[in-house]
Amino acid sequence: MPTNNIKTLRVIGEEIMQITEGTTLTLTHTPVSIVDVQLSLFDVTDHIFRDKVVKQGFIHVNVIYKGADGIVYHESTNVPFEEEVEIGGLVPGIKFNGQVRVPVQNAEETTLDVENFILELDSDFILNNGNAITPTVTVKALARILVKVSRVEQMNVFVNGRDGVFRFSGTTLDGNC
């Protein structure tokens, strides 16, 4: 039977990371009400260590509010964050973005793929518009991210020229799936 090599991703582990950060913004106009608080993540980088992924970046907070004069305004800021999650199985010899992170023999054979899925991005706020000379809004941001780490592996696959059937490791995959 002829064989072919295929590359596939084997999941090492996945965990949910929770990031909670807060900030206080000074509003340039006297607010009547908060219309919306918009959040986004940017400049996010992953740092890989033994059994651990550290994620850092910024949360962009944009507060939209209605002023006492009836005009809608917005204020925004960037809040830095850093959080870690433990994922067992990250061992010496891993390569990330083409660079060896934990040196060891045969590092060329082991390449990691890190995927991030935002599960939740939410906020809560308190408008401090009381007797203060300059009104402020305190925003608490919450982000839940699924971090999935996979290893790129190469497998030998036995190819049967008929019916598109592939056999490897005792498993049969139908080409129509």
Protein backbone atom coordinates (compact mmCIF):
# COMPACT_ATOMS: atom_id res chain seq x y z
CA MET A 1 0.00 0.00 0.00
CA PRO A 2 1.38 3.45 -0.85
CA THR A 3 1.86 5.98 1.93
CA ASN A 4 1.69 9.76 2.11
CA ASN A 5 2.70 12.17 4.85
CA ILE A 6 0.14 14.63 6.19
CA LYS A 7 0.52 17.37 8.77
CA THR A 8 -2.16 17.68 11.41
CA LEU A 9 -2.76 19.51 14.69
CA ARG A 10 -2.88 17.50 17.89
CA VAL A 11 -4.43 19.40 20.80
CA ILE A 12 -2.10 19.57 23.82
CA GLY A 13 -4.59 21.37 26.02
CA GLU A 14 -7.10 24.15 26.33
CA GLU A 15 -8.15 26.34 29.23
CA ILE A 16 -10.36 29.37 29.80
CA MET A 17 -8.56 32.52 30.91
CA GLN A 18 -10.41 35.31 32.70
CA ILE A 19 -9.17 38.90 32.58
CA THR A 20 -10.66 41.57 34.86
CA GLU A 21 -9.38 45.14 34.68
CA GLY A 22 -10.78 48.49 35.80
CA THR A 23 -10.24 52.13 34.95
CA THR A 24 -11.70 55.55 35.71
CA LEU A 25 -12.28 58.02 32.88
CA THR A 26 -12.73 61.76 33.33
CA LEU A 27 -15.66 63.02 31.26
CA THR A 28 -15.14 66.36 29.50
CA HIS A 29 -18.87 67.21 29.51
CA THR A 30 -21.47 66.87 32.28
CA PRO A 31 -23.23 63.55 31.60
CA VAL A 32 -26.94 62.84 31.89
CA SER A 33 -26.60 59.12 31.16
CA ILE A 34 -24.23 56.49 29.80
CA VAL A 35 -25.43 55.29 26.39
CA ASP A 36 -22.95 52.43 25.87
CA VAL A 37 -19.58 51.04 26.92
CA GLN A 38 -17.70 49.38 24.05
CA LEU A 39 -14.74 47.06 24.63
CA SER A 40 -12.14 45.53 22.34
CA LEU A 41 -8.81 43.73 22.76
CA PHE A 42 -5.73 44.70 20.75
CA ASP A 43 -1.94 44.19 20.62
CA VAL A 44 -2.43 40.80 22.28
CA THR A 45 0.69 38.63 22.49
CA ASP A 46 1.23 35.15 23.89
CA HIS A 47 4.35 34.16 25.82
CA ILE A 48 4.92 30.43 26.25
CA PHE A 49 6.63 28.88 29.24
CA ARG A 50 6.76 25.35 30.60
CA ASP A 51 3.12 24.35 31.27
CA LYS A 52 1.98 27.99 31.04
CA VAL A 53 0.78 30.61 28.54
CA VAL A 54 1.01 34.29 29.53
CA LYS A 55 -1.15 36.68 27.52
CA GLN A 56 -0.68 40.43 27.55
CA GLY A 57 -2.18 43.30 25.61
CA PHE A 58 -4.65 46.14 25.94
CA ILE A 59 -8.39 46.51 26.47
CA HIS A 60 -9.76 49.51 24.57
CA VAL A 61 -12.61 51.08 26.59
CA ASN A 62 -14.91 53.51 24.76
CA VAL A 63 -17.63 55.19 26.86
CA ILE A 64 -20.48 56.83 24.94
CA TYR A 65 -22.60 59.22 27.00
CA LYS A 66 -25.30 61.86 26.62
CA GLY A 67 -24.33 65.31 27.87
CA ALA A 68 -26.57 67.77 29.73
CA ASP A 69 -26.77 69.77 26.49
CA GLY A 70 -28.37 66.79 24.67
CA ILE A 71 -25.30 66.01 22.55
CA VAL A 72 -23.77 62.51 22.55
CA TYR A 73 -20.04 62.39 23.44
CA HIS A 74 -17.44 59.69 23.95
CA GLU A 75 -14.24 59.22 25.95
CA SER A 76 -11.84 56.33 25.50
CA THR A 77 -8.71 54.84 27.02
CA ASN A 78 -6.47 51.79 26.70
CA VAL A 79 -6.03 49.59 29.75
CA PRO A 80 -3.04 47.19 29.82
CA PHE A 81 -3.57 43.63 31.01
CA GLU A 82 -1.49 40.53 31.71
CA GLU A 83 -2.87 37.14 32.67
CA GLU A 84 -1.64 33.56 32.70
CA VAL A 85 -3.22 30.17 32.26
CA GLU A 86 -1.73 26.75 33.02
CA ILE A 87 -1.81 24.19 30.23
CA GLY A 88 -0.06 20.94 31.03
CA GLY A 89 2.06 19.38 28.31
CA LEU A 90 3.99 22.42 27.13
CA VAL A 91 7.47 20.92 27.31
CA PRO A 92 11.03 21.85 26.28
CA GLY A 93 11.60 21.98 22.56
CA ILE A 94 8.54 24.00 21.65
CA LYS A 95 8.68 26.46 18.80
CA PHE A 96 6.33 29.46 18.50
CA ASN A 97 6.23 31.83 15.53
CA GLY A 98 9.34 30.19 14.13
CA GLN A 99 11.51 30.72 17.23
CA VAL A 100 12.56 28.13 19.77
CA ARG A 101 11.19 29.21 23.17
CA VAL A 102 12.59 26.44 25.37
CA PRO A 103 15.75 25.03 23.73
CA VAL A 104 16.25 21.27 23.51
CA GLN A 105 17.28 18.62 20.96
CA ASN A 106 15.07 18.17 17.87
CA ALA A 107 13.26 21.47 18.36
CA GLU A 108 12.65 21.61 14.59
CA GLU A 109 10.21 18.70 14.90
CA THR A 110 7.94 20.43 17.41
CA THR A 111 5.95 23.51 16.44
CA LEU A 112 3.05 24.94 18.45
CA ASP A 113 -0.14 26.61 17.31
CA VAL A 114 -1.88 28.87 19.85
CA GLU A 115 -5.50 29.83 19.15
CA ASN A 116 -7.52 32.36 21.15
CA PHE A 117 -11.32 32.48 21.14
CA ILE A 118 -13.08 35.36 22.92
CA LEU A 119 -16.01 33.80 24.77
CA GLU A 120 -17.17 36.91 26.62
CA LEU A 121 -16.32 40.61 26.61
CA ASP A 122 -18.49 42.54 29.06
CA SER A 123 -18.42 45.64 31.23
CA ASP A 124 -20.01 47.27 34.25
CA PHE A 125 -19.81 50.95 35.12
CA ILE A 126 -20.53 53.48 37.86
CA LEU A 127 -21.21 57.08 36.87
CA ASN A 128 -19.70 59.44 39.47
CA ASN A 129 -21.65 62.57 38.63
CA GLY A 130 -22.41 63.76 42.16
CA ASN A 131 -20.89 66.88 43.66
CA ALA A 132 -17.61 66.43 41.80
CA ILE A 133 -16.24 69.33 39.77
CA THR A 134 -15.13 66.91 37.05
CA PRO A 135 -17.49 63.97 36.45
CA THR A 136 -15.96 60.50 36.03
CA VAL A 137 -17.09 57.02 35.12
CA THR A 138 -15.52 53.91 36.61
CA VAL A 139 -15.54 50.96 34.20
CA LYS A 140 -14.81 47.33 35.07
CA ALA A 141 -14.02 45.13 32.03
CA LEU A 142 -14.30 41.34 31.93
CA ALA A 143 -12.87 39.15 29.17
CA ARG A 144 -13.07 35.35 29.03
CA ILE A 145 -10.78 33.76 26.45
CA LEU A 146 -10.43 30.11 25.47
CA VAL A 147 -6.72 29.43 24.91
CA LYS A 148 -6.11 26.31 22.82
CA VAL A 149 -2.57 24.98 22.25
CA SER A 150 -1.91 22.39 19.56
CA ARG A 151 1.24 20.73 18.26
CA VAL A 152 1.86 20.32 14.53
CA GLU A 153 2.57 16.63 13.83
CA GLN A 154 3.36 14.69 10.70
CA MET A 155 1.75 11.27 10.22
CA ASN A 156 2.29 8.48 7.69
CA VAL A 157 -1.00 7.64 5.99
CA PHE A 158 -1.69 4.51 3.97
CA VAL A 159 -3.62 5.50 0.85
CA ASN A 160 -6.00 3.12 -0.89
CA GLY A 161 -6.58 4.41 -4.41
CA ARG A 162 -10.15 3.10 -4.41
CA ASP A 163 -13.10 4.87 -2.78
CA GLY A 164 -10.96 7.63 -1.22
CA VAL A 165 -10.25 5.62 1.96
CA PHE A 166 -7.31 6.56 4.19
CA ARG A 167 -5.97 4.28 6.92
CA PHE A 168 -3.66 5.26 9.75
CA SER A 169 -3.17 4.22 13.37
CA GLY A 170 -5.92 1.64 13.10
CA THR A 171 -8.52 4.27 12.20
CA THR A 172 -10.38 4.53 8.91
CA LEU A 173 -11.49 7.88 7.52
CA ASP A 174 -13.89 7.98 4.58
CA GLY A 175 -12.93 10.67 2.04
CA ASN A 176 -16.61 11.75 1.83
CA CYS A 177 -16.70 13.06 5.43
